[in-house]
Amino acid sequence: AARWLLIERLFDEAVELPRGERTDWLERMCPDSSTR
């Protein structure tokens, strides 16, 4: 039920990171492969 809010929040946080750090950060924060 909160998936769209989760995606928006993850995007907002990840977009501020250097591109080279995004993948590792998302793998730590978002173990669900579909959402990631």
All heavy atoms as atom14 arrays in JSON, in Angstrom:
{
  "sequence": "AARWLLIERLFDEAVELPRGERTDWLERMCPDSSTR",
  "atom14_mask": [
    [1, 1, 1, 1, 1, 0, 0, 0, 0, 0, 0, 0, 0, 0],
    [1, 1, 1, 1, 1, 0, 0, 0, 0, 0, 0, 0, 0, 0],
    [1, 1, 1, 1, 1, 1, 1, 1, 1, 1, 1, 0, 0, 0],
    [1, 1, 1, 1, 1, 1, 1, 1, 1, 1, 1, 1, 1, 1],
    [1, 1, 1, 1, 1, 1, 1, 1, 0, 0, 0, 0, 0, 0],
    [1, 1, 1, 1, 1, 1, 1, 1, 0, 0, 0, 0, 0, 0],
    [1, 1, 1, 1, 1, 1, 1, 1, 0, 0, 0, 0, 0, 0],
    [1, 1, 1, 1, 1, 1, 1, 1, 1, 0, 0, 0, 0, 0],
    [1, 1, 1, 1, 1, 1, 1, 1, 1, 1, 1, 0, 0, 0],
    [1, 1, 1, 1, 1, 1, 1, 1, 0, 0, 0, 0, 0, 0],
    [1, 1, 1, 1, 1, 1, 1, 1, 1, 1, 1, 0, 0, 0],
    [1, 1, 1, 1, 1, 1, 1, 1, 0, 0, 0, 0, 0, 0],
    [1, 1, 1, 1, 1, 1, 1, 1, 1, 0, 0, 0, 0, 0],
    [1, 1, 1, 1, 1, 0, 0, 0, 0, 0, 0, 0, 0, 0],
    [1, 1, 1, 1, 1, 1, 1, 0, 0, 0, 0, 0, 0, 0],
    [1, 1, 1, 1, 1, 1, 1, 1, 1, 0, 0, 0, 0, 0],
    [1, 1, 1, 1, 1, 1, 1, 1, 0, 0, 0, 0, 0, 0],
    [1, 1, 1, 1, 1, 1, 1, 0, 0, 0, 0, 0, 0, 0],
    [1, 1, 1, 1, 1, 1, 1, 1, 1, 1, 1, 0, 0, 0],
    [1, 1, 1, 1, 0, 0, 0, 0, 0, 0, 0, 0, 0, 0],
    [1, 1, 1, 1, 1, 1, 1, 1, 1, 0, 0, 0, 0, 0],
    [1, 1, 1, 1, 1, 1, 1, 1, 1, 1, 1, 0, 0, 0],
    [1, 1, 1, 1, 1, 1, 1, 0, 0, 0, 0, 0, 0, 0],
    [1, 1, 1, 1, 1, 1, 1, 1, 0, 0, 0, 0, 0, 0],
    [1, 1, 1, 1, 1, 1, 1, 1, 1, 1, 1, 1, 1, 1],
    [1, 1, 1, 1, 1, 1, 1, 1, 0, 0, 0, 0, 0, 0],
    [1, 1, 1, 1, 1, 1, 1, 1, 1, 0, 0, 0, 0, 0],
    [1, 1, 1, 1, 1, 1, 1, 1, 1, 1, 1, 0, 0, 0],
    [1, 1, 1, 1, 1, 1, 1, 1, 0, 0, 0, 0, 0, 0],
    [1, 1, 1, 1, 1, 1, 0, 0, 0, 0, 0, 0, 0, 0],
    [1, 1, 1, 1, 1, 1, 1, 0, 0, 0, 0, 0, 0, 0],
    [1, 1, 1, 1, 1, 1, 1, 1, 0, 0, 0, 0, 0, 0],
    [1, 1, 1, 1, 1, 1, 0, 0, 0, 0, 0, 0, 0, 0],
    [1, 1, 1, 1, 1, 1, 0, 0, 0, 0, 0, 0, 0, 0],
    [1, 1, 1, 1, 1, 1, 1, 0, 0, 0, 0, 0, 0, 0],
    [1, 1, 1, 1, 1, 1, 1, 1, 1, 1, 1, 0, 0, 0]
  ],
  "atom14_positions": [
    [[0.82, -1.21, 0.0], [0.0, 0.0, 0.0], [0.85, 1.26, 0.0], [0.43, 2.31, -0.45], [-0.92, 0.0, 1.22], [0.0, 0.0, 0.0], [0.0, 0.0, 0.0], [0.0, 0.0, 0.0], [0.0, 0.0, 0.0], [0.0, 0.0, 0.0], [0.0, 0.0, 0.0], [0.0, 0.0, 0.0], [0.0, 0.0, 0.0], [0.0, 0.0, 0.0]],
    [[2.08, 1.16, 0.52], [2.95, 2.34, 0.61], [4.03, 2.32, -0.46], [4.96, 3.11, -0.43], [3.58, 2.42, 1.98], [0.0, 0.0, 0.0], [0.0, 0.0, 0.0], [0.0, 0.0, 0.0], [0.0, 0.0, 0.0], [0.0, 0.0, 0.0], [0.0, 0.0, 0.0], [0.0, 0.0, 0.0], [0.0, 0.0, 0.0], [0.0, 0.0, 0.0]],
    [[3.89, 1.42, -1.45], [4.98, 1.22, -2.4], [5.31, 2.47, -3.21], [6.46, 2.8, -3.44], [4.63, 0.07, -3.35], [5.8, -0.35, -4.26], [5.52, -1.71, -4.89], [6.63, -2.14, -5.71], [6.66, -2.04, -7.02], [5.62, -1.53, -7.66], [7.71, -2.44, -7.71], [0.0, 0.0, 0.0], [0.0, 0.0, 0.0], [0.0, 0.0, 0.0]],
    [[4.3, 3.19, -3.66], [4.58, 4.37, -4.49], [5.28, 5.46, -3.67], [6.15, 6.17, -4.18], [3.3, 4.91, -5.14], [2.36, 5.63, -4.22], [1.35, 5.1, -3.51], [2.34, 7.03, -3.97], [0.69, 6.07, -2.8], [1.28, 7.27, -3.07], [3.11, 8.12, -4.39], [0.98, 8.54, -2.6], [2.8, 9.37, -3.93], [1.75, 9.59, -3.03]],
    [[4.91, 5.57, -2.38], [5.6, 6.54, -1.52], [7.05, 6.11, -1.29], [7.97, 6.95, -1.25], [4.88, 6.66, -0.18], [3.52, 7.35, -0.21], [2.86, 7.26, 1.17], [3.67, 8.82, -0.62], [0.0, 0.0, 0.0], [0.0, 0.0, 0.0], [0.0, 0.0, 0.0], [0.0, 0.0, 0.0], [0.0, 0.0, 0.0], [0.0, 0.0, 0.0]],
    [[7.25, 4.81, -1.15], [8.59, 4.28, -0.97], [9.46, 4.58, -2.19], [10.61, 5.05, -2.07], [8.52, 2.77, -0.74], [9.84, 2.0, -0.73], [10.72, 2.47, 0.42], [9.57, 0.51, -0.64], [0.0, 0.0, 0.0], [0.0, 0.0, 0.0], [0.0, 0.0, 0.0], [0.0, 0.0, 0.0], [0.0, 0.0, 0.0], [0.0, 0.0, 0.0]],
    [[8.92, 4.35, -3.38], [9.68, 4.6, -4.61], [10.04, 6.07, -4.73], [11.17, 6.43, -5.07], [8.87, 4.12, -5.84], [8.77, 2.59, -5.84], [9.5, 4.62, -7.14], [7.81, 2.04, -6.87], [0.0, 0.0, 0.0], [0.0, 0.0, 0.0], [0.0, 0.0, 0.0], [0.0, 0.0, 0.0], [0.0, 0.0, 0.0], [0.0, 0.0, 0.0]],
    [[9.07, 6.93, -4.42], [9.34, 8.36, -4.5], [10.43, 8.76, -3.52], [11.35, 9.53, -3.86], [8.06, 9.15, -4.2], [8.25, 10.66, -4.29], [6.96, 11.42, -4.04], [5.96, 10.78, -3.66], [6.97, 12.64, -4.22], [0.0, 0.0, 0.0], [0.0, 0.0, 0.0], [0.0, 0.0, 0.0], [0.0, 0.0, 0.0], [0.0, 0.0, 0.0]],
    [[10.36, 8.24, -2.3], [11.37, 8.61, -1.29], [12.75, 8.09, -1.68], [13.76, 8.8, -1.57], [10.96, 8.05, 0.08], [12.0, 8.29, 1.16], [11.46, 7.98, 2.55], [10.97, 6.62, 2.67], [11.76, 5.56, 2.83], [13.07, 5.72, 2.85], [11.24, 4.35, 2.95], [0.0, 0.0, 0.0], [0.0, 0.0, 0.0], [0.0, 0.0, 0.0]],
    [[12.81, 6.84, -2.14], [14.09, 6.28, -2.56], [14.69, 7.06, -3.71], [15.9, 7.32, -3.76], [13.92, 4.8, -2.95], [13.69, 3.82, -1.8], [13.29, 2.47, -2.34], [14.92, 3.73, -0.92], [0.0, 0.0, 0.0], [0.0, 0.0, 0.0], [0.0, 0.0, 0.0], [0.0, 0.0, 0.0], [0.0, 0.0, 0.0], [0.0, 0.0, 0.0]],
    [[13.85, 7.44, -4.67], [14.34, 8.24, -5.79], [14.9, 9.57, -5.3], [16.0, 9.99, -5.69], [13.22, 8.49, -6.8], [13.61, 9.44, -7.9], [14.25, 8.99, -9.03], [13.34, 10.8, -7.79], [14.63, 9.86, -10.04], [13.71, 11.68, -8.78], [14.35, 11.22, -9.9], [0.0, 0.0, 0.0], [0.0, 0.0, 0.0], [0.0, 0.0, 0.0]],
    [[14.14, 10.25, -4.44], [14.57, 11.56, -3.93], [15.92, 11.48, -3.23], [16.74, 12.39, -3.33], [13.51, 12.12, -2.97], [12.28, 12.63, -3.69], [12.36, 12.85, -4.92], [11.24, 12.77, -3.03], [0.0, 0.0, 0.0], [0.0, 0.0, 0.0], [0.0, 0.0, 0.0], [0.0, 0.0, 0.0], [0.0, 0.0, 0.0], [0.0, 0.0, 0.0]],
    [[16.14, 10.39, -2.5], [17.4, 10.24, -1.78], [18.53, 9.8, -2.71], [19.65, 10.32, -2.64], [17.23, 9.26, -0.64], [16.26, 9.75, 0.44], [16.18, 8.82, 1.63], [17.08, 7.97, 1.79], [15.21, 8.94, 2.39], [0.0, 0.0, 0.0], [0.0, 0.0, 0.0], [0.0, 0.0, 0.0], [0.0, 0.0, 0.0], [0.0, 0.0, 0.0]],
    [[18.25, 8.86, -3.6], [19.29, 8.32, -4.48], [19.77, 9.34, -5.5], [20.95, 9.36, -5.87], [18.77, 7.08, -5.21], [0.0, 0.0, 0.0], [0.0, 0.0, 0.0], [0.0, 0.0, 0.0], [0.0, 0.0, 0.0], [0.0, 0.0, 0.0], [0.0, 0.0, 0.0], [0.0, 0.0, 0.0], [0.0, 0.0, 0.0], [0.0, 0.0, 0.0]],
    [[18.87, 10.21, -5.97], [19.25, 11.16, -7.01], [20.27, 12.18, -6.51], [20.99, 12.8, -7.3], [17.99, 11.87, -7.58], [17.52, 12.98, -6.65], [18.27, 12.41, -8.99], [0.0, 0.0, 0.0], [0.0, 0.0, 0.0], [0.0, 0.0, 0.0], [0.0, 0.0, 0.0], [0.0, 0.0, 0.0], [0.0, 0.0, 0.0], [0.0, 0.0, 0.0]],
    [[20.36, 12.34, -5.2], [21.33, 13.28, -4.63], [22.72, 12.67, -4.51], [23.69, 13.39, -4.27], [20.86, 13.73, -3.23], [19.54, 14.49, -3.23], [19.62, 15.79, -4.0], [20.7, 16.4, -4.01], [18.6, 16.18, -4.61], [0.0, 0.0, 0.0], [0.0, 0.0, 0.0], [0.0, 0.0, 0.0], [0.0, 0.0, 0.0], [0.0, 0.0, 0.0]],
    [[22.82, 11.35, -4.68], [24.11, 10.69, -4.57], [24.88, 10.76, -5.88], [24.28, 10.84, -6.96], [23.91, 9.21, -4.2], [23.33, 8.9, -2.82], [22.97, 7.43, -2.75], [24.33, 9.25, -1.74], [0.0, 0.0, 0.0], [0.0, 0.0, 0.0], [0.0, 0.0, 0.0], [0.0, 0.0, 0.0], [0.0, 0.0, 0.0], [0.0, 0.0, 0.0]],
    [[26.22, 10.69, -5.85], [26.99, 10.53, -7.09], [26.54, 9.25, -7.79], [26.21, 8.25, -7.14], [28.43, 10.4, -6.59], [28.44, 11.09, -5.26], [27.09, 10.81, -4.66], [0.0, 0.0, 0.0], [0.0, 0.0, 0.0], [0.0, 0.0, 0.0], [0.0, 0.0, 0.0], [0.0, 0.0, 0.0], [0.0, 0.0, 0.0], [0.0, 0.0, 0.0]],
    [[26.52, 9.27, -9.12], [25.99, 8.12, -9.86], [26.69, 6.82, -9.5], [26.07, 5.75, -9.46], [26.1, 8.38, -11.37], [25.21, 9.51, -11.84], [25.27, 9.66, -13.35], [24.57, 10.85, -13.79], [24.42, 11.19, -15.06], [24.91, 10.45, -16.01], [23.77, 12.3, -15.38], [0.0, 0.0, 0.0], [0.0, 0.0, 0.0], [0.0, 0.0, 0.0]],
    [[27.99, 6.9, -9.26], [28.74, 5.69, -8.97], [28.4, 5.05, -7.64], [28.78, 3.9, -7.39], [0.0, 0.0, 0.0], [0.0, 0.0, 0.0], [0.0, 0.0, 0.0], [0.0, 0.0, 0.0], [0.0, 0.0, 0.0], [0.0, 0.0, 0.0], [0.0, 0.0, 0.0], [0.0, 0.0, 0.0], [0.0, 0.0, 0.0], [0.0, 0.0, 0.0]],
    [[27.7, 5.77, -6.77], [27.36, 5.23, -5.45], [25.92, 4.75, -5.36], [25.52, 4.16, -4.35], [27.6, 6.31, -4.38], [29.05, 6.78, -4.29], [29.23, 7.9, -3.27], [28.27, 8.14, -2.49], [30.3, 8.52, -3.25], [0.0, 0.0, 0.0], [0.0, 0.0, 0.0], [0.0, 0.0, 0.0], [0.0, 0.0, 0.0], [0.0, 0.0, 0.0]],
    [[25.12, 5.04, -6.39], [23.69, 4.76, -6.28], [23.37, 3.27, -6.18], [22.5, 2.87, -5.38], [22.95, 5.36, -7.48], [22.93, 6.88, -7.5], [22.32, 7.38, -8.79], [22.33, 8.83, -8.87], [21.98, 9.5, -9.98], [21.61, 8.83, -11.05], [22.02, 10.81, -9.99], [0.0, 0.0, 0.0], [0.0, 0.0, 0.0], [0.0, 0.0, 0.0]],
    [[24.03, 2.44, -6.99], [23.7, 1.02, -7.02], [23.92, 0.36, -5.67], [23.04, -0.35, -5.16], [24.52, 0.3, -8.1], [24.2, 0.85, -9.39], [24.21, -1.19, -8.11], [0.0, 0.0, 0.0], [0.0, 0.0, 0.0], [0.0, 0.0, 0.0], [0.0, 0.0, 0.0], [0.0, 0.0, 0.0], [0.0, 0.0, 0.0], [0.0, 0.0, 0.0]],
    [[25.08, 0.6, -5.07], [25.37, 0.0, -3.77], [24.39, 0.5, -2.71], [23.92, -0.27, -1.86], [26.8, 0.33, -3.34], [27.84, -0.42, -4.16], [27.47, -1.41, -4.82], [29.01, 0.0, -4.15], [0.0, 0.0, 0.0], [0.0, 0.0, 0.0], [0.0, 0.0, 0.0], [0.0, 0.0, 0.0], [0.0, 0.0, 0.0], [0.0, 0.0, 0.0]],
    [[24.07, 1.79, -2.77], [23.14, 2.36, -1.79], [21.76, 1.73, -1.93], [21.13, 1.36, -0.93], [23.06, 3.88, -1.98], [22.21, 4.56, -0.95], [22.59, 4.97, 0.29], [20.82, 4.92, -1.08], [21.52, 5.56, 0.96], [20.42, 5.53, 0.14], [19.88, 4.78, -2.08], [19.13, 6.0, 0.35], [18.58, 5.24, -1.88], [18.22, 5.84, -0.67]],
    [[21.28, 1.58, -3.16], [19.96, 0.99, -3.37], [19.93, -0.48, -2.95], [18.92, -0.95, -2.42], [19.56, 1.12, -4.85], [19.02, 2.48, -5.27], [18.86, 2.54, -6.79], [17.69, 2.78, -4.58], [0.0, 0.0, 0.0], [0.0, 0.0, 0.0], [0.0, 0.0, 0.0], [0.0, 0.0, 0.0], [0.0, 0.0, 0.0], [0.0, 0.0, 0.0]],
    [[21.02, -1.2, -3.17], [21.05, -2.59, -2.76], [21.0, -2.72, -1.23], [20.4, -3.67, -0.71], [22.31, -3.28, -3.3], [22.24, -3.53, -4.8], [23.48, -4.18, -5.35], [24.48, -4.29, -4.61], [23.45, -4.58, -6.53], [0.0, 0.0, 0.0], [0.0, 0.0, 0.0], [0.0, 0.0, 0.0], [0.0, 0.0, 0.0], [0.0, 0.0, 0.0]],
    [[21.59, -1.76, -0.53], [21.51, -1.77, 0.94], [20.11, -1.4, 1.42], [19.57, -1.99, 2.35], [22.52, -0.77, 1.54], [23.96, -1.15, 1.4], [24.82, -0.37, 2.4], [24.55, 1.05, 2.39], [25.16, 1.93, 1.58], [26.06, 1.49, 0.72], [24.88, 3.21, 1.65], [0.0, 0.0, 0.0], [0.0, 0.0, 0.0], [0.0, 0.0, 0.0]],
    [[19.53, -0.38, 0.78], [18.28, 0.18, 1.25], [17.05, -0.53, 0.72], [15.97, -0.43, 1.29], [18.2, 1.66, 0.84], [19.32, 2.52, 1.42], [19.32, 2.45, 3.21], [17.71, 3.14, 3.54], [0.0, 0.0, 0.0], [0.0, 0.0, 0.0], [0.0, 0.0, 0.0], [0.0, 0.0, 0.0], [0.0, 0.0, 0.0], [0.0, 0.0, 0.0]],
    [[17.22, -1.23, -0.42], [16.04, -1.76, -1.11], [16.31, -3.18, -1.59], [16.57, -3.4, -2.77], [15.71, -0.83, -2.28], [14.16, -1.21, -3.09], [0.0, 0.0, 0.0], [0.0, 0.0, 0.0], [0.0, 0.0, 0.0], [0.0, 0.0, 0.0], [0.0, 0.0, 0.0], [0.0, 0.0, 0.0], [0.0, 0.0, 0.0], [0.0, 0.0, 0.0]],
    [[16.24, -4.16, -0.72], [16.52, -5.54, -1.12], [15.49, -6.11, -2.08], [15.75, -7.1, -2.76], [16.51, -6.31, 0.22], [15.67, -5.46, 1.13], [15.93, -4.04, 0.72], [0.0, 0.0, 0.0], [0.0, 0.0, 0.0], [0.0, 0.0, 0.0], [0.0, 0.0, 0.0], [0.0, 0.0, 0.0], [0.0, 0.0, 0.0], [0.0, 0.0, 0.0]],
    [[14.31, -5.5, -2.17], [13.28, -5.95, -3.1], [13.67, -5.55, -4.52], [13.74, -4.38, -4.85], [11.94, -5.33, -2.73], [10.88, -5.58, -3.78], [10.82, -6.7, -4.3], [10.13, -4.64, -4.09], [0.0, 0.0, 0.0], [0.0, 0.0, 0.0], [0.0, 0.0, 0.0], [0.0, 0.0, 0.0], [0.0, 0.0, 0.0], [0.0, 0.0, 0.0]],
    [[13.95, -6.55, -5.4], [14.46, -6.26, -6.74], [13.45, -5.51, -7.6], [13.83, -4.69, -8.44], [14.86, -7.56, -7.44], [13.73, -8.41, -7.62], [0.0, 0.0, 0.0], [0.0, 0.0, 0.0], [0.0, 0.0, 0.0], [0.0, 0.0, 0.0], [0.0, 0.0, 0.0], [0.0, 0.0, 0.0], [0.0, 0.0, 0.0], [0.0, 0.0, 0.0]],
    [[12.15, -5.76, -7.41], [11.14, -5.08, -8.22], [11.13, -3.59, -7.94], [11.18, -2.76, -8.86], [9.76, -5.68, -7.92], [8.75, -4.96, -8.6], [0.0, 0.0, 0.0], [0.0, 0.0, 0.0], [0.0, 0.0, 0.0], [0.0, 0.0, 0.0], [0.0, 0.0, 0.0], [0.0, 0.0, 0.0], [0.0, 0.0, 0.0], [0.0, 0.0, 0.0]],
    [[11.1, -3.23, -6.65], [11.1, -1.81, -6.29], [12.4, -1.15, -6.69], [12.42, -0.04, -7.24], [10.89, -1.65, -4.77], [9.65, -2.27, -4.41], [10.86, -0.18, -4.37], [0.0, 0.0, 0.0], [0.0, 0.0, 0.0], [0.0, 0.0, 0.0], [0.0, 0.0, 0.0], [0.0, 0.0, 0.0], [0.0, 0.0, 0.0], [0.0, 0.0, 0.0]],
    [[13.51, -1.83, -6.45], [14.81, -1.28, -6.82], [14.89, -1.04, -8.33], [15.42, -0.03, -8.79], [15.93, -2.22, -6.37], [17.33, -1.66, -6.64], [18.4, -2.49, -5.95], [18.5, -3.84, -6.5], [18.21, -4.96, -5.86], [17.78, -4.89, -4.61], [18.34, -6.13, -6.44], [0.0, 0.0, 0.0], [0.0, 0.0, 0.0], [0.0, 0.0, 0.0]]
  ]
}
